[in-house]
Protein backbone atom coordinates (compact mmCIF):
# COMPACT_ATOMS: atom_id res chain seq x y z
CA MET A 1 -7.26 8.64 -43.00
CA GLY A 2 -5.14 9.30 -40.00
CA ALA A 3 -4.22 11.87 -37.45
CA SER A 4 -2.62 15.08 -38.51
CA LYS A 5 0.71 16.19 -37.12
CA PHE A 6 -1.07 18.83 -35.08
CA GLY A 7 -3.49 16.23 -33.68
CA LEU A 8 -0.63 13.92 -32.70
CA LEU A 9 1.18 16.83 -31.07
CA MET A 10 -1.92 17.74 -29.03
CA ILE A 11 -2.36 14.13 -27.91
CA PHE A 12 1.29 13.97 -26.89
CA ILE A 13 1.01 17.24 -24.93
CA LEU A 14 -2.14 16.06 -23.11
CA LEU A 15 -0.52 12.75 -22.22
CA ALA A 16 2.57 14.56 -20.93
CA VAL A 17 0.43 16.87 -18.75
CA PHE A 18 -1.54 13.96 -17.26
CA PHE A 19 1.65 11.97 -16.70
CA THR A 20 3.33 14.93 -14.95
CA PHE A 21 0.23 15.54 -12.82
CA GLY A 22 0.15 11.88 -11.80
CA LEU A 23 3.83 11.80 -10.88
CA LYS A 24 3.41 14.88 -8.67
CA VAL A 25 0.05 14.14 -6.99
CA VAL A 26 -0.03 10.36 -6.48
CA PRO A 27 2.89 10.34 -3.98
CA LEU A 28 0.94 12.74 -1.74
CA TYR A 29 -1.84 10.19 -1.37
CA VAL A 30 0.54 7.26 -1.01
CA ASP A 31 2.30 9.03 1.89
CA HIS A 32 -1.03 9.92 3.51
CA ASN A 33 -2.25 6.33 3.25
CA LEU A 34 0.96 5.13 4.88
CA VAL A 35 0.48 7.47 7.84
CA THR A 36 -3.20 6.64 8.29
CA GLY A 37 -2.39 2.94 7.99
CA ILE A 38 0.04 3.17 10.90
CA ARG A 39 -2.54 4.98 13.00
CA GLY A 40 -5.29 2.57 12.05
CA GLU A 41 -3.08 -0.34 13.02
CA LEU A 42 -2.43 1.18 16.44
CA ILE A 43 -6.14 1.65 17.06
CA GLU A 44 -7.15 -1.80 15.79
CA ASN A 45 -4.54 -3.52 17.97
CA GLY A 46 -5.62 -1.49 20.99
CA GLU A 47 -2.08 -0.17 21.43
CA ALA A 48 -3.20 3.45 21.12
CA GLU A 49 -5.19 3.19 24.36
CA ASN A 50 -1.95 2.97 26.39
CA MET A 51 0.23 5.28 24.31
CA THR A 52 0.98 8.96 24.60
CA VAL A 53 1.02 11.29 21.63
CA THR A 54 4.84 11.19 21.79
CA ASP A 55 4.79 7.38 21.51
CA ILE A 56 2.48 7.56 18.50
CA ARG A 57 4.60 10.21 16.81
CA GLN A 58 7.72 8.10 17.43
CA ARG A 59 6.08 5.04 15.86
CA VAL A 60 5.00 7.08 12.83
CA SER A 61 8.46 8.63 12.59
CA ASN A 62 10.13 5.21 12.54
CA THR A 63 7.87 3.96 9.77
CA LEU A 64 8.32 7.14 7.73
CA ARG A 65 12.09 6.89 8.08
CA ILE A 66 12.01 3.28 6.84
CA ASN A 67 9.96 4.38 3.83
CA ASN A 68 12.27 7.37 3.15
CA ILE A 69 9.62 10.05 3.76
CA THR A 70 11.40 13.03 5.26
CA ASP A 71 9.12 16.03 4.86
CA PHE A 72 6.27 15.11 7.22
CA ASP A 73 5.68 17.27 10.30
CA LEU A 74 4.89 14.99 13.23
CA SER A 75 3.25 17.83 15.16
CA ASN A 76 0.24 17.38 12.85
CA ILE A 77 -0.63 14.21 14.75
CA THR A 78 -2.80 14.72 17.82
CA LEU A 79 -4.27 12.32 20.35
CA ARG A 80 -7.22 12.72 22.64
CA LYS A 81 -9.04 10.20 24.77
CA GLU A 82 -12.77 10.07 25.25
CA SER A 83 -14.13 7.51 27.70
CA ASP A 84 -10.98 5.35 27.48
CA GLN A 85 -11.07 5.37 23.68
CA ALA A 86 -8.10 6.81 21.80
CA ILE A 87 -8.91 9.21 18.99
CA ILE A 88 -5.97 10.01 16.74
CA SER A 89 -6.34 12.84 14.27
CA ILE A 90 -4.07 14.21 11.63
CA ALA A 91 -4.58 17.42 9.72
CA TYR A 92 -2.08 18.90 7.32
CA GLU A 93 -1.65 20.50 3.94
CA ARG A 94 0.88 19.65 1.25
CA ARG A 95 1.78 21.90 -1.67
CA VAL A 96 3.55 20.62 -4.77
CA GLU A 97 4.70 22.74 -7.69
CA LEU A 98 3.09 21.41 -10.84
CA ILE A 99 4.25 23.67 -13.67
CA ALA A 100 5.97 27.07 -13.32
CA ASN A 101 3.78 29.09 -10.94
CA LEU A 102 0.94 26.55 -10.82
CA ASP A 103 0.79 24.56 -7.57
CA VAL A 104 -1.35 21.66 -6.42
CA VAL A 105 -2.55 21.89 -2.81
CA ALA A 106 -3.80 18.76 -1.04
CA LYS A 107 -5.51 19.07 2.34
CA PHE A 108 -5.78 16.02 4.57
CA ASP A 109 -7.90 15.84 7.72
CA THR A 110 -8.46 12.34 9.06
CA VAL A 111 -9.81 11.19 12.41
CA LEU A 112 -9.46 7.57 13.53
CA ARG A 113 -11.33 6.11 16.46
């Protein structure tokens, strides 16, 4: 009463696939949460009201550099003001190779007011 060698092999393969998927996809969301956290902080503190898009991109760039994130395009961050309220939006797409010719594409489109 136990698992066959084939059953154990299949379980091992499934675990390896899920582990690989997790190692490739989770960092995408961690990086996105870092960027949105910076922007949310600027809006909550009221700093974004007096900043230009260049100032916001510089602040994000400094935080990304500290956290060793190098492949983020700062031009994806935009700022617009509606009735003295800053609205920061970020829209970008990240593609990560999963296995051979199979890629994972993550699209992010966040607006903070």
